Amino acid sequence: MIRELTGGRGQDPVVDAVDMEAGVDRLAALHLAIDAVRRDGTISLAGVYSGTANPRR
């Protein structure tokens, strides 16, 4: 929807303000921010992504 509203460009600044991303897809909010930002735009992260380095353990 963001791409549609911006004529396909995307947002210039995107703020990913997660408190503690949890669940199966921990990076869902970050992936959304990447999809929403325009080329050469800025993504600001404020929050914590946690989990194991190797999810198979």
PDB file of N, CA and C in Angstrom:
ATOM      1  N   MET A   1       0.814  -1.183   0.000  1.00  0.00           N
ATOM      2  CA  MET A   1       0.000   0.000   0.000  1.00  0.00           C
ATOM      3  C   MET A   1       0.872   1.268   0.000  1.00  0.00           C
ATOM      4  N   ILE A   2       1.994   1.202   0.718  1.00  0.00           N
ATOM      5  CA  ILE A   2       2.889   2.368   0.768  1.00  0.00           C
ATOM      6  C   ILE A   2       3.444   2.668  -0.614  1.00  0.00           C
ATOM      7  N   ARG A   3       3.857   1.634  -1.328  1.00  0.00           N
ATOM      8  CA  ARG A   3       4.380   1.834  -2.682  1.00  0.00           C
ATOM      9  C   ARG A   3       3.315   2.451  -3.581  1.00  0.00           C
ATOM     10  N   GLU A   4       2.088   1.996  -3.435  1.00  0.00           N
ATOM     11  CA  GLU A   4       0.983   2.521  -4.234  1.00  0.00           C
ATOM     12  C   GLU A   4       0.732   4.003  -3.930  1.00  0.00           C
ATOM     13  N   LEU A   5       0.756   4.364  -2.656  1.00  0.00           N
ATOM     14  CA  LEU A   5       0.504   5.743  -2.244  1.00  0.00           C
ATOM     15  C   LEU A   5       1.637   6.693  -2.631  1.00  0.00           C
ATOM     16  N   THR A   6       2.838   6.146  -2.826  1.00  0.00           N
ATOM     17  CA  THR A   6       3.992   6.989  -3.159  1.00  0.00           C
ATOM     18  C   THR A   6       4.398   6.859  -4.626  1.00  0.00           C
ATOM     19  N   GLY A   7       3.500   6.363  -5.449  1.00  0.00           N
ATOM     20  CA  GLY A   7       3.798   6.240  -6.877  1.00  0.00           C
ATOM     21  C   GLY A   7       4.896   5.243  -7.172  1.00  0.00           C
ATOM     22  N   GLY A   8       5.036   4.211  -6.334  1.00  0.00           N
ATOM     23  CA  GLY A   8       6.041   3.172  -6.532  1.00  0.00           C
ATOM     24  C   GLY A   8       7.396   3.468  -5.913  1.00  0.00           C
ATOM     25  N   ARG A   9       7.575   4.668  -5.360  1.00  0.00           N
ATOM     26  CA  ARG A   9       8.884   5.050  -4.804  1.00  0.00           C
ATOM     27  C   ARG A   9       9.158   4.460  -3.439  1.00  0.00           C
ATOM     28  N   GLY A  10       8.180   4.496  -2.549  1.00  0.00           N
ATOM     29  CA  GLY A  10       8.402   4.080  -1.167  1.00  0.00           C
ATOM     30  C   GLY A  10       8.690   5.293  -0.297  1.00  0.00           C
ATOM     31  N   GLN A  11       8.730   5.076   0.973  1.00  0.00           N
ATOM     32  CA  GLN A  11       8.989   6.138   1.944  1.00  0.00           C
ATOM     33  C   GLN A  11      10.472   6.483   1.981  1.00  0.00           C
ATOM     34  N   ASP A  12      10.793   7.741   2.303  1.00  0.00           N
ATOM     35  CA  ASP A  12      12.194   8.112   2.499  1.00  0.00           C
ATOM     36  C   ASP A  12      12.661   7.628   3.861  1.00  0.00           C
ATOM     37  N   PRO A  13      12.107   8.141   4.970  1.00  0.00           N
ATOM     38  CA  PRO A  13      12.500   7.571   6.264  1.00  0.00           C
ATOM     39  C   PRO A  13      11.494   6.507   6.694  1.00  0.00           C
ATOM     40  N   VAL A  14      12.006   5.404   7.182  1.00  0.00           N
ATOM     41  CA  VAL A  14      11.170   4.360   7.779  1.00  0.00           C
ATOM     42  C   VAL A  14      11.727   4.084   9.170  1.00  0.00           C
ATOM     43  N   VAL A  15      10.859   4.105  10.168  1.00  0.00           N
ATOM     44  CA  VAL A  15      11.279   3.852  11.542  1.00  0.00           C
ATOM     45  C   VAL A  15      10.720   2.505  11.971  1.00  0.00           C
ATOM     46  N   ASP A  16      11.590   1.599  12.351  1.00  0.00           N
ATOM     47  CA  ASP A  16      11.215   0.288  12.877  1.00  0.00           C
ATOM     48  C   ASP A  16      11.382   0.367  14.388  1.00  0.00           C
ATOM     49  N   ALA A  17      10.292   0.665  15.089  1.00  0.00           N
ATOM     50  CA  ALA A  17      10.351   0.874  16.537  1.00  0.00           C
ATOM     51  C   ALA A  17       9.725  -0.316  17.256  1.00  0.00           C
ATOM     52  N   VAL A  18      10.444  -1.418  17.292  1.00  0.00           N
ATOM     53  CA  VAL A  18       9.960  -2.608  17.985  1.00  0.00           C
ATOM     54  C   VAL A  18      10.478  -2.595  19.413  1.00  0.00           C
ATOM     55  N   ASP A  19       9.682  -3.104  20.319  1.00  0.00           N
ATOM     56  CA  ASP A  19      10.129  -3.215  21.708  1.00  0.00           C
ATOM     57  C   ASP A  19      10.936  -4.494  21.831  1.00  0.00           C
ATOM     58  N   MET A  20      10.324  -5.614  21.544  1.00  0.00           N
ATOM     59  CA  MET A  20      10.997  -6.912  21.574  1.00  0.00           C
ATOM     60  C   MET A  20      10.277  -7.791  20.572  1.00  0.00           C
ATOM     61  N   GLU A  21      10.841  -7.912  19.373  1.00  0.00           N
ATOM     62  CA  GLU A  21      10.209  -8.704  18.318  1.00  0.00           C
ATOM     63  C   GLU A  21      10.253 -10.176  18.713  1.00  0.00           C
ATOM     64  N   ALA A  22       9.102 -10.808  18.724  1.00  0.00           N
ATOM     65  CA  ALA A  22       9.012 -12.216  19.120  1.00  0.00           C
ATOM     66  C   ALA A  22       8.158 -12.970  18.109  1.00  0.00           C
ATOM     67  N   GLY A  23       8.191 -14.274  18.202  1.00  0.00           N
ATOM     68  CA  GLY A  23       7.377 -15.103  17.326  1.00  0.00           C
ATOM     69  C   GLY A  23       8.218 -15.860  16.342  1.00  0.00           C
ATOM     70  N   VAL A  24       7.537 -16.514  15.415  1.00  0.00           N
ATOM     71  CA  VAL A  24       8.214 -17.373  14.442  1.00  0.00           C
ATOM     72  C   VAL A  24       9.077 -16.535  13.499  1.00  0.00           C
ATOM     73  N   ASP A  25       8.500 -15.486  12.920  1.00  0.00           N
ATOM     74  CA  ASP A  25       9.246 -14.632  11.999  1.00  0.00           C
ATOM     75  C   ASP A  25       9.667 -13.367  12.736  1.00  0.00           C
ATOM     76  N   ARG A  26      10.766 -13.430  13.459  1.00  0.00           N
ATOM     77  CA  ARG A  26      11.205 -12.312  14.291  1.00  0.00           C
ATOM     78  C   ARG A  26      11.556 -11.073  13.490  1.00  0.00           C
ATOM     79  N   LEU A  27      11.911 -11.253  12.251  1.00  0.00           N
ATOM     80  CA  LEU A  27      12.342 -10.112  11.447  1.00  0.00           C
ATOM     81  C   LEU A  27      11.229  -9.563  10.555  1.00  0.00           C
ATOM     82  N   ALA A  28       9.974  -9.898  10.847  1.00  0.00           N
ATOM     83  CA  ALA A  28       8.858  -9.448  10.012  1.00  0.00           C
ATOM     84  C   ALA A  28       8.795  -7.930   9.924  1.00  0.00           C
ATOM     85  N   ALA A  29       8.958  -7.234  11.048  1.00  0.00           N
ATOM     86  CA  ALA A  29       8.889  -5.772  11.044  1.00  0.00           C
ATOM     87  C   ALA A  29      10.047  -5.180  10.242  1.00  0.00           C
ATOM     88  N   LEU A  30      11.226  -5.758  10.360  1.00  0.00           N
ATOM     89  CA  LEU A  30      12.375  -5.269   9.599  1.00  0.00           C
ATOM     90  C   LEU A  30      12.171  -5.497   8.106  1.00  0.00           C
ATOM     91  N   HIS A  31      11.676  -6.669   7.727  1.00  0.00           N
ATOM     92  CA  HIS A  31      11.411  -6.948   6.313  1.00  0.00           C
ATOM     93  C   HIS A  31      10.373  -5.985   5.750  1.00  0.00           C
ATOM     94  N   LEU A  32       9.368  -5.645   6.541  1.00  0.00           N
ATOM     95  CA  LEU A  32       8.366  -4.667   6.123  1.00  0.00           C
ATOM     96  C   LEU A  32       9.000  -3.300   5.905  1.00  0.00           C
ATOM     97  N   ALA A  33       9.905  -2.909   6.792  1.00  0.00           N
ATOM     98  CA  ALA A  33      10.600  -1.627   6.656  1.00  0.00           C
ATOM     99  C   ALA A  33      11.442  -1.601   5.385  1.00  0.00           C
ATOM    100  N   ILE A  34      12.126  -2.690   5.088  1.00  0.00           N
ATOM    101  CA  ILE A  34      12.955  -2.778   3.886  1.00  0.00           C
ATOM    102  C   ILE A  34      12.084  -2.671   2.640  1.00  0.00           C
ATOM    103  N   ASP A  35      10.922  -3.318   2.652  1.00  0.00           N
ATOM    104  CA  ASP A  35      10.009  -3.254   1.513  1.00  0.00           C
ATOM    105  C   ASP A  35       9.409  -1.866   1.331  1.00  0.00           C
ATOM    106  N   ALA A  36       9.257  -1.120   2.421  1.00  0.00           N
ATOM    107  CA  ALA A  36       8.582   0.174   2.372  1.00  0.00           C
ATOM    108  C   ALA A  36       9.505   1.342   2.038  1.00  0.00           C
ATOM    109  N   VAL A  37      10.809   1.186   2.241  1.00  0.00           N
ATOM    110  CA  VAL A  37      11.731   2.314   2.056  1.00  0.00           C
ATOM    111  C   VAL A  37      12.085   2.468   0.574  1.00  0.00           C
ATOM    112  N   ARG A  38      12.278   3.714   0.172  1.00  0.00           N
ATOM    113  CA  ARG A  38      12.664   3.965  -1.220  1.00  0.00           C
ATOM    114  C   ARG A  38      14.154   3.697  -1.399  1.00  0.00           C
ATOM    115  N   ARG A  39      14.577   3.607  -2.625  1.00  0.00           N
ATOM    116  CA  ARG A  39      16.005   3.433  -2.902  1.00  0.00           C
ATOM    117  C   ARG A  39      16.759   4.623  -2.330  1.00  0.00           C
ATOM    118  N   ASP A  40      17.833   4.380  -1.649  1.00  0.00           N
ATOM    119  CA  ASP A  40      18.647   5.390  -0.961  1.00  0.00           C
ATOM    120  C   ASP A  40      17.914   6.043   0.207  1.00  0.00           C
ATOM    121  N   GLY A  41      16.827   5.423   0.686  1.00  0.00           N
ATOM    122  CA  GLY A  41      16.113   5.933   1.845  1.00  0.00           C
ATOM    123  C   GLY A  41      16.813   5.508   3.127  1.00  0.00           C
ATOM    124  N   THR A  42      16.217   5.844   4.243  1.00  0.00           N
ATOM    125  CA  THR A  42      16.823   5.577   5.540  1.00  0.00           C
ATOM    126  C   THR A  42      15.899   4.725   6.389  1.00  0.00           C
ATOM    127  N   ILE A  43      16.445   3.661   6.978  1.00  0.00           N
ATOM    128  CA  ILE A  43      15.706   2.847   7.946  1.00  0.00           C
ATOM    129  C   ILE A  43      16.366   3.060   9.304  1.00  0.00           C
ATOM    130  N   SER A  44      15.568   3.491  10.272  1.00  0.00           N
ATOM    131  CA  SER A  44      16.064   3.672  11.634  1.00  0.00           C
ATOM    132  C   SER A  44      15.499   2.563  12.507  1.00  0.00           C
ATOM    133  N   LEU A  45      16.370   1.890  13.236  1.00  0.00           N
ATOM    134  CA  LEU A  45      15.951   0.805  14.123  1.00  0.00           C
ATOM    135  C   LEU A  45      16.020   1.261  15.568  1.00  0.00           C
ATOM    136  N   ALA A  46      14.940   1.039  16.285  1.00  0.00           N
ATOM    137  CA  ALA A  46      14.906   1.323  17.717  1.00  0.00           C
ATOM    138  C   ALA A  46      14.191   0.162  18.379  1.00  0.00           C
ATOM    139  N   GLY A  47      14.956  -0.769  18.899  1.00  0.00           N
ATOM    140  CA  GLY A  47      14.342  -1.934  19.515  1.00  0.00           C
ATOM    141  C   GLY A  47      15.320  -3.084  19.607  1.00  0.00           C
ATOM    142  N   VAL A  48      14.792  -4.230  19.947  1.00  0.00           N
ATOM    143  CA  VAL A  48      15.621  -5.405  20.170  1.00  0.00           C
ATOM    144  C   VAL A  48      15.077  -6.582  19.374  1.00  0.00           C
ATOM    145  N   TYR A  49      15.954  -7.218  18.617  1.00  0.00           N
ATOM    146  CA  TYR A  49      15.636  -8.473  17.963  1.00  0.00           C
ATOM    147  C   TYR A  49      16.415  -9.548  18.712  1.00  0.00           C
ATOM    148  N   SER A  50      15.699 -10.527  19.249  1.00  0.00           N
ATOM    149  CA  SER A  50      16.393 -11.560  20.019  1.00  0.00           C
ATOM    150  C   SER A  50      16.167 -12.924  19.404  1.00  0.00           C
ATOM    151  N   GLY A  51      16.943 -13.855  19.849  1.00  0.00           N
ATOM    152  CA  GLY A  51      16.832 -15.224  19.361  1.00  0.00           C
ATOM    153  C   GLY A  51      18.194 -15.882  19.388  1.00  0.00           C
ATOM    154  N   THR A  52      18.219 -17.135  19.068  1.00  0.00           N
ATOM    155  CA  THR A  52      19.488 -17.851  19.058  1.00  0.00           C
ATOM    156  C   THR A  52      20.215 -17.612  17.758  1.00  0.00           C
ATOM    157  N   ALA A  53      21.518 -17.700  17.801  1.00  0.00           N
ATOM    158  CA  ALA A  53      22.322 -17.534  16.600  1.00  0.00           C
ATOM    159  C   ALA A  53      22.091 -18.685  15.638  1.00  0.00           C
ATOM    160  N   ASN A  54      21.839 -19.872  16.175  1.00  0.00           N
ATOM    161  CA  ASN A  54      21.566 -21.047  15.372  1.00  0.00           C
ATOM    162  C   ASN A  54      20.225 -21.621  15.821  1.00  0.00           C
ATOM    163  N   PRO A  55      19.134 -21.387  15.090  1.00  0.00           N
ATOM    164  CA  PRO A  55      17.818 -21.819  15.537  1.00  0.00           C
ATOM    165  C   PRO A  55      17.640 -23.339  15.618  1.00  0.00           C
ATOM    166  N   ARG A  56      18.580 -24.115  15.096  1.00  0.00           N
ATOM    167  CA  ARG A  56      18.472 -25.577  15.132  1.00  0.00           C
ATOM    168  C   ARG A  56      18.900 -26.161  16.468  1.00  0.00           C
ATOM    169  N   ARG A  57      19.481 -25.357  17.338  1.00  0.00           N
ATOM    170  CA  ARG A  57      19.950 -25.839  18.631  1.00  0.00           C
ATOM    171  C   ARG A  57      18.854 -25.800  19.644  1.00  0.00           C
TER     172      ARG A  57
END
